[in-house]
N, C-alpha and C. Protein backbone atom coordinates (compact mmCIF):
# COMPACT_ATOMS: atom_id res chain seq x y z
N MET A 1 0.82 -1.19 0.00
CA MET A 1 0.00 0.00 0.00
C MET A 1 0.87 1.26 0.00
N GLU A 2 1.99 1.20 0.71
CA GLU A 2 2.88 2.36 0.74
C GLU A 2 3.46 2.65 -0.63
N THR A 3 3.70 1.61 -1.41
CA THR A 3 4.23 1.81 -2.75
C THR A 3 3.20 2.53 -3.63
N LEU A 4 1.94 2.14 -3.51
CA LEU A 4 0.89 2.82 -4.27
C LEU A 4 0.77 4.28 -3.86
N LYS A 5 0.91 4.55 -2.56
CA LYS A 5 0.83 5.94 -2.09
C LYS A 5 1.98 6.77 -2.64
N LYS A 6 3.15 6.16 -2.81
CA LYS A 6 4.29 6.88 -3.36
C LYS A 6 4.16 7.07 -4.87
N LEU A 7 3.63 6.08 -5.57
CA LEU A 7 3.50 6.17 -7.02
C LEU A 7 2.34 7.06 -7.46
N PHE A 8 1.26 7.08 -6.68
CA PHE A 8 0.06 7.84 -7.03
C PHE A 8 -0.33 8.76 -5.87
N PRO A 9 0.44 9.80 -5.59
CA PRO A 9 0.13 10.64 -4.42
C PRO A 9 -1.18 11.41 -4.53
N LEU A 10 -1.57 11.80 -5.74
CA LEU A 10 -2.82 12.56 -5.88
C LEU A 10 -4.05 11.71 -5.58
N SER A 11 -3.92 10.40 -5.75
CA SER A 11 -5.05 9.52 -5.51
C SER A 11 -5.46 9.50 -4.04
N TRP A 12 -4.53 9.75 -3.15
CA TRP A 12 -4.84 9.78 -1.73
C TRP A 12 -5.07 11.19 -1.22
N LYS A 13 -4.59 12.18 -1.94
CA LYS A 13 -4.67 13.56 -1.46
C LYS A 13 -6.09 14.12 -1.56
N TYR A 14 -6.82 13.76 -2.58
CA TYR A 14 -8.13 14.36 -2.85
C TYR A 14 -9.26 13.38 -2.57
N THR A 15 -9.38 12.92 -1.33
CA THR A 15 -10.46 11.97 -1.00
C THR A 15 -11.20 12.35 0.28
N LYS A 16 -11.14 13.59 0.70
CA LYS A 16 -11.77 13.98 1.96
C LYS A 16 -13.29 14.08 1.85
N ASP A 17 -13.79 14.77 0.83
CA ASP A 17 -15.22 14.89 0.63
C ASP A 17 -15.50 14.88 -0.87
N VAL A 18 -16.76 15.00 -1.25
CA VAL A 18 -17.14 14.86 -2.66
C VAL A 18 -16.55 15.96 -3.53
N SER A 19 -16.60 17.20 -3.07
CA SER A 19 -16.06 18.29 -3.89
C SER A 19 -14.55 18.15 -4.05
N ASN A 20 -13.87 17.75 -3.01
CA ASN A 20 -12.43 17.52 -3.08
C ASN A 20 -12.12 16.37 -4.03
N PHE A 21 -12.95 15.33 -3.99
CA PHE A 21 -12.80 14.17 -4.87
C PHE A 21 -12.96 14.56 -6.33
N ILE A 22 -13.95 15.38 -6.63
CA ILE A 22 -14.18 15.82 -8.01
C ILE A 22 -13.03 16.68 -8.50
N VAL A 23 -12.52 17.55 -7.63
CA VAL A 23 -11.37 18.39 -8.00
C VAL A 23 -10.18 17.51 -8.33
N GLY A 24 -9.94 16.47 -7.55
CA GLY A 24 -8.83 15.56 -7.80
C GLY A 24 -8.95 14.85 -9.14
N ILE A 25 -10.15 14.41 -9.48
CA ILE A 25 -10.35 13.74 -10.77
C ILE A 25 -10.16 14.73 -11.91
N ILE A 26 -10.65 15.96 -11.75
CA ILE A 26 -10.49 16.97 -12.79
C ILE A 26 -9.01 17.29 -12.99
N ILE A 27 -8.26 17.41 -11.90
CA ILE A 27 -6.83 17.69 -12.02
C ILE A 27 -6.12 16.59 -12.79
N GLN A 28 -6.43 15.35 -12.47
CA GLN A 28 -5.77 14.24 -13.17
C GLN A 28 -6.21 14.15 -14.63
N ALA A 29 -7.46 14.43 -14.91
CA ALA A 29 -7.93 14.40 -16.30
C ALA A 29 -7.30 15.51 -17.13
N VAL A 30 -7.22 16.71 -16.57
CA VAL A 30 -6.60 17.82 -17.29
C VAL A 30 -5.12 17.57 -17.50
N ALA A 31 -4.45 17.03 -16.49
CA ALA A 31 -3.02 16.71 -16.64
C ALA A 31 -2.82 15.66 -17.73
N SER A 32 -3.70 14.69 -17.81
CA SER A 32 -3.61 13.67 -18.85
C SER A 32 -3.82 14.27 -20.23
N ILE A 33 -4.78 15.17 -20.35
CA ILE A 33 -5.04 15.82 -21.64
C ILE A 33 -3.86 16.68 -22.07
N LEU A 34 -3.30 17.43 -21.14
CA LEU A 34 -2.14 18.28 -21.45
C LEU A 34 -0.92 17.44 -21.83
N ALA A 35 -0.69 16.36 -21.09
CA ALA A 35 0.44 15.49 -21.43
C ALA A 35 0.24 14.86 -22.80
N GLY A 36 -0.98 14.45 -23.10
CA GLY A 36 -1.27 13.88 -24.41
C GLY A 36 -1.05 14.88 -25.53
N ALA A 37 -1.43 16.14 -25.30
CA ALA A 37 -1.23 17.18 -26.32
C ALA A 37 0.26 17.44 -26.56
N VAL A 38 1.02 17.50 -25.48
CA VAL A 38 2.46 17.74 -25.62
C VAL A 38 3.14 16.57 -26.33
N ILE A 39 2.75 15.36 -25.98
CA ILE A 39 3.35 14.18 -26.61
C ILE A 39 2.92 14.10 -28.07
N SER A 40 1.71 14.46 -28.38
CA SER A 40 1.25 14.46 -29.77
C SER A 40 2.02 15.49 -30.60
N LEU A 41 2.23 16.67 -30.03
CA LEU A 41 3.01 17.69 -30.71
C LEU A 41 4.45 17.22 -30.93
N ALA A 42 5.02 16.58 -29.91
CA ALA A 42 6.39 16.07 -30.05
C ALA A 42 6.47 15.01 -31.14
N THR A 43 5.45 14.17 -31.23
CA THR A 43 5.43 13.14 -32.27
C THR A 43 5.37 13.76 -33.66
N MET A 44 4.56 14.80 -33.82
CA MET A 44 4.46 15.47 -35.12
C MET A 44 5.78 16.14 -35.49
N LEU A 45 6.44 16.75 -34.51
CA LEU A 45 7.71 17.42 -34.79
C LEU A 45 8.82 16.43 -35.12
N VAL A 46 8.82 15.29 -34.44
CA VAL A 46 9.87 14.29 -34.66
C VAL A 46 9.73 13.65 -36.03
N ASN A 47 8.53 13.57 -36.55
CA ASN A 47 8.34 12.95 -37.86
C ASN A 47 9.05 13.71 -38.98
N TRP A 48 9.46 14.93 -38.74
CA TRP A 48 10.18 15.71 -39.75
C TRP A 48 11.64 15.31 -39.86
N ILE A 49 12.16 14.57 -38.90
CA ILE A 49 13.55 14.11 -38.96
C ILE A 49 13.62 12.94 -39.94
N PRO A 50 14.42 13.07 -40.99
CA PRO A 50 14.37 12.07 -42.06
C PRO A 50 14.82 10.66 -41.66
N ALA A 51 15.94 10.53 -40.99
CA ALA A 51 16.52 9.20 -40.80
C ALA A 51 15.85 8.41 -39.67
N VAL A 52 15.62 9.02 -38.54
CA VAL A 52 15.13 8.28 -37.39
C VAL A 52 13.77 8.77 -36.90
N GLY A 53 13.08 9.55 -37.69
CA GLY A 53 11.81 10.12 -37.27
C GLY A 53 10.76 9.09 -36.93
N GLY A 54 10.66 8.06 -37.75
CA GLY A 54 9.64 7.03 -37.51
C GLY A 54 9.89 6.27 -36.22
N LEU A 55 11.14 5.93 -35.96
CA LEU A 55 11.48 5.21 -34.74
C LEU A 55 11.24 6.08 -33.50
N LEU A 56 11.65 7.33 -33.57
CA LEU A 56 11.43 8.23 -32.43
C LEU A 56 9.94 8.47 -32.20
N ALA A 57 9.18 8.61 -33.26
CA ALA A 57 7.73 8.80 -33.12
C ALA A 57 7.10 7.58 -32.46
N TRP A 58 7.58 6.39 -32.82
CA TRP A 58 7.09 5.16 -32.23
C TRP A 58 7.41 5.11 -30.74
N LEU A 59 8.63 5.47 -30.37
CA LEU A 59 9.03 5.48 -28.96
C LEU A 59 8.26 6.53 -28.16
N ILE A 60 8.06 7.70 -28.75
CA ILE A 60 7.28 8.74 -28.08
C ILE A 60 5.83 8.29 -27.92
N GLY A 61 5.31 7.55 -28.88
CA GLY A 61 3.96 7.01 -28.77
C GLY A 61 3.84 6.02 -27.62
N ILE A 62 4.85 5.21 -27.41
CA ILE A 62 4.84 4.27 -26.29
C ILE A 62 4.86 5.03 -24.97
N VAL A 63 5.71 6.04 -24.87
CA VAL A 63 5.77 6.86 -23.66
C VAL A 63 4.42 7.55 -23.42
N GLY A 64 3.81 8.05 -24.48
CA GLY A 64 2.50 8.69 -24.35
C GLY A 64 1.44 7.72 -23.85
N SER A 65 1.48 6.50 -24.33
CA SER A 65 0.52 5.50 -23.86
C SER A 65 0.73 5.19 -22.38
N LEU A 66 1.98 5.11 -21.96
CA LEU A 66 2.27 4.85 -20.55
C LEU A 66 1.83 6.01 -19.66
N VAL A 67 2.00 7.23 -20.13
CA VAL A 67 1.56 8.40 -19.36
C VAL A 67 0.03 8.39 -19.23
N GLY A 68 -0.66 8.10 -20.31
CA GLY A 68 -2.12 8.01 -20.26
C GLY A 68 -2.59 6.90 -19.32
N LEU A 69 -1.91 5.77 -19.36
CA LEU A 69 -2.24 4.66 -18.48
C LEU A 69 -1.99 5.01 -17.02
N TYR A 70 -0.93 5.78 -16.75
CA TYR A 70 -0.64 6.22 -15.39
C TYR A 70 -1.77 7.08 -14.83
N PHE A 71 -2.23 8.04 -15.62
CA PHE A 71 -3.30 8.91 -15.15
C PHE A 71 -4.62 8.15 -15.01
N LEU A 72 -4.89 7.22 -15.90
CA LEU A 72 -6.09 6.40 -15.77
C LEU A 72 -6.04 5.56 -14.50
N ALA A 73 -4.90 4.95 -14.23
CA ALA A 73 -4.74 4.16 -13.00
C ALA A 73 -4.89 5.06 -11.77
N GLY A 74 -4.38 6.29 -11.85
CA GLY A 74 -4.51 7.22 -10.74
C GLY A 74 -5.96 7.55 -10.44
N ILE A 75 -6.76 7.74 -11.49
CA ILE A 75 -8.18 8.04 -11.30
C ILE A 75 -8.91 6.83 -10.72
N VAL A 76 -8.60 5.63 -11.22
CA VAL A 76 -9.24 4.42 -10.70
C VAL A 76 -8.88 4.22 -9.23
N ILE A 77 -7.61 4.40 -8.88
CA ILE A 77 -7.19 4.25 -7.49
C ILE A 77 -7.86 5.30 -6.61
N GLN A 78 -8.00 6.52 -7.11
CA GLN A 78 -8.67 7.56 -6.34
C GLN A 78 -10.13 7.19 -6.07
N ILE A 79 -10.80 6.64 -7.05
CA ILE A 79 -12.18 6.21 -6.86
C ILE A 79 -12.25 5.09 -5.83
N LEU A 80 -11.31 4.14 -5.90
CA LEU A 80 -11.31 3.03 -4.95
C LEU A 80 -11.00 3.50 -3.53
N VAL A 81 -10.12 4.48 -3.39
CA VAL A 81 -9.81 5.02 -2.06
C VAL A 81 -11.01 5.80 -1.53
N PHE A 82 -11.66 6.57 -2.38
CA PHE A 82 -12.81 7.37 -1.95
C PHE A 82 -13.97 6.48 -1.50
N THR A 83 -14.17 5.38 -2.19
CA THR A 83 -15.27 4.47 -1.84
C THR A 83 -14.88 3.47 -0.76
N LYS A 84 -13.68 3.63 -0.21
CA LYS A 84 -13.16 2.80 0.89
C LYS A 84 -12.94 1.34 0.51
N VAL A 85 -12.76 1.06 -0.78
CA VAL A 85 -12.40 -0.28 -1.20
C VAL A 85 -10.93 -0.52 -0.85
N ILE A 86 -10.11 0.51 -1.06
CA ILE A 86 -8.70 0.48 -0.63
C ILE A 86 -8.61 1.29 0.65
N LYS A 87 -8.09 0.69 1.69
CA LYS A 87 -7.98 1.35 2.98
C LYS A 87 -6.71 2.19 3.00
N ASP A 88 -6.75 3.27 3.79
CA ASP A 88 -5.56 4.11 3.96
C ASP A 88 -4.54 3.36 4.69
């Protein structure tokens, strides 16, 4: 449990009441959208490099997928903590 608290600190921070819970989910969703936009822009810019653009775009795509998965897991864990399925 301590490892989850260290990996997903926002999931435990915003679980006091309903309004705090909603703010936490909105923060994680907006962060995910912003990270996706930055990674998408980086992928488009890297594609202009002739020799290694495709490989770099592929690697950036993998990183982008992992970032999206991290935020999704954070939201799911926050919901589980709020509903007391996961104990503090």
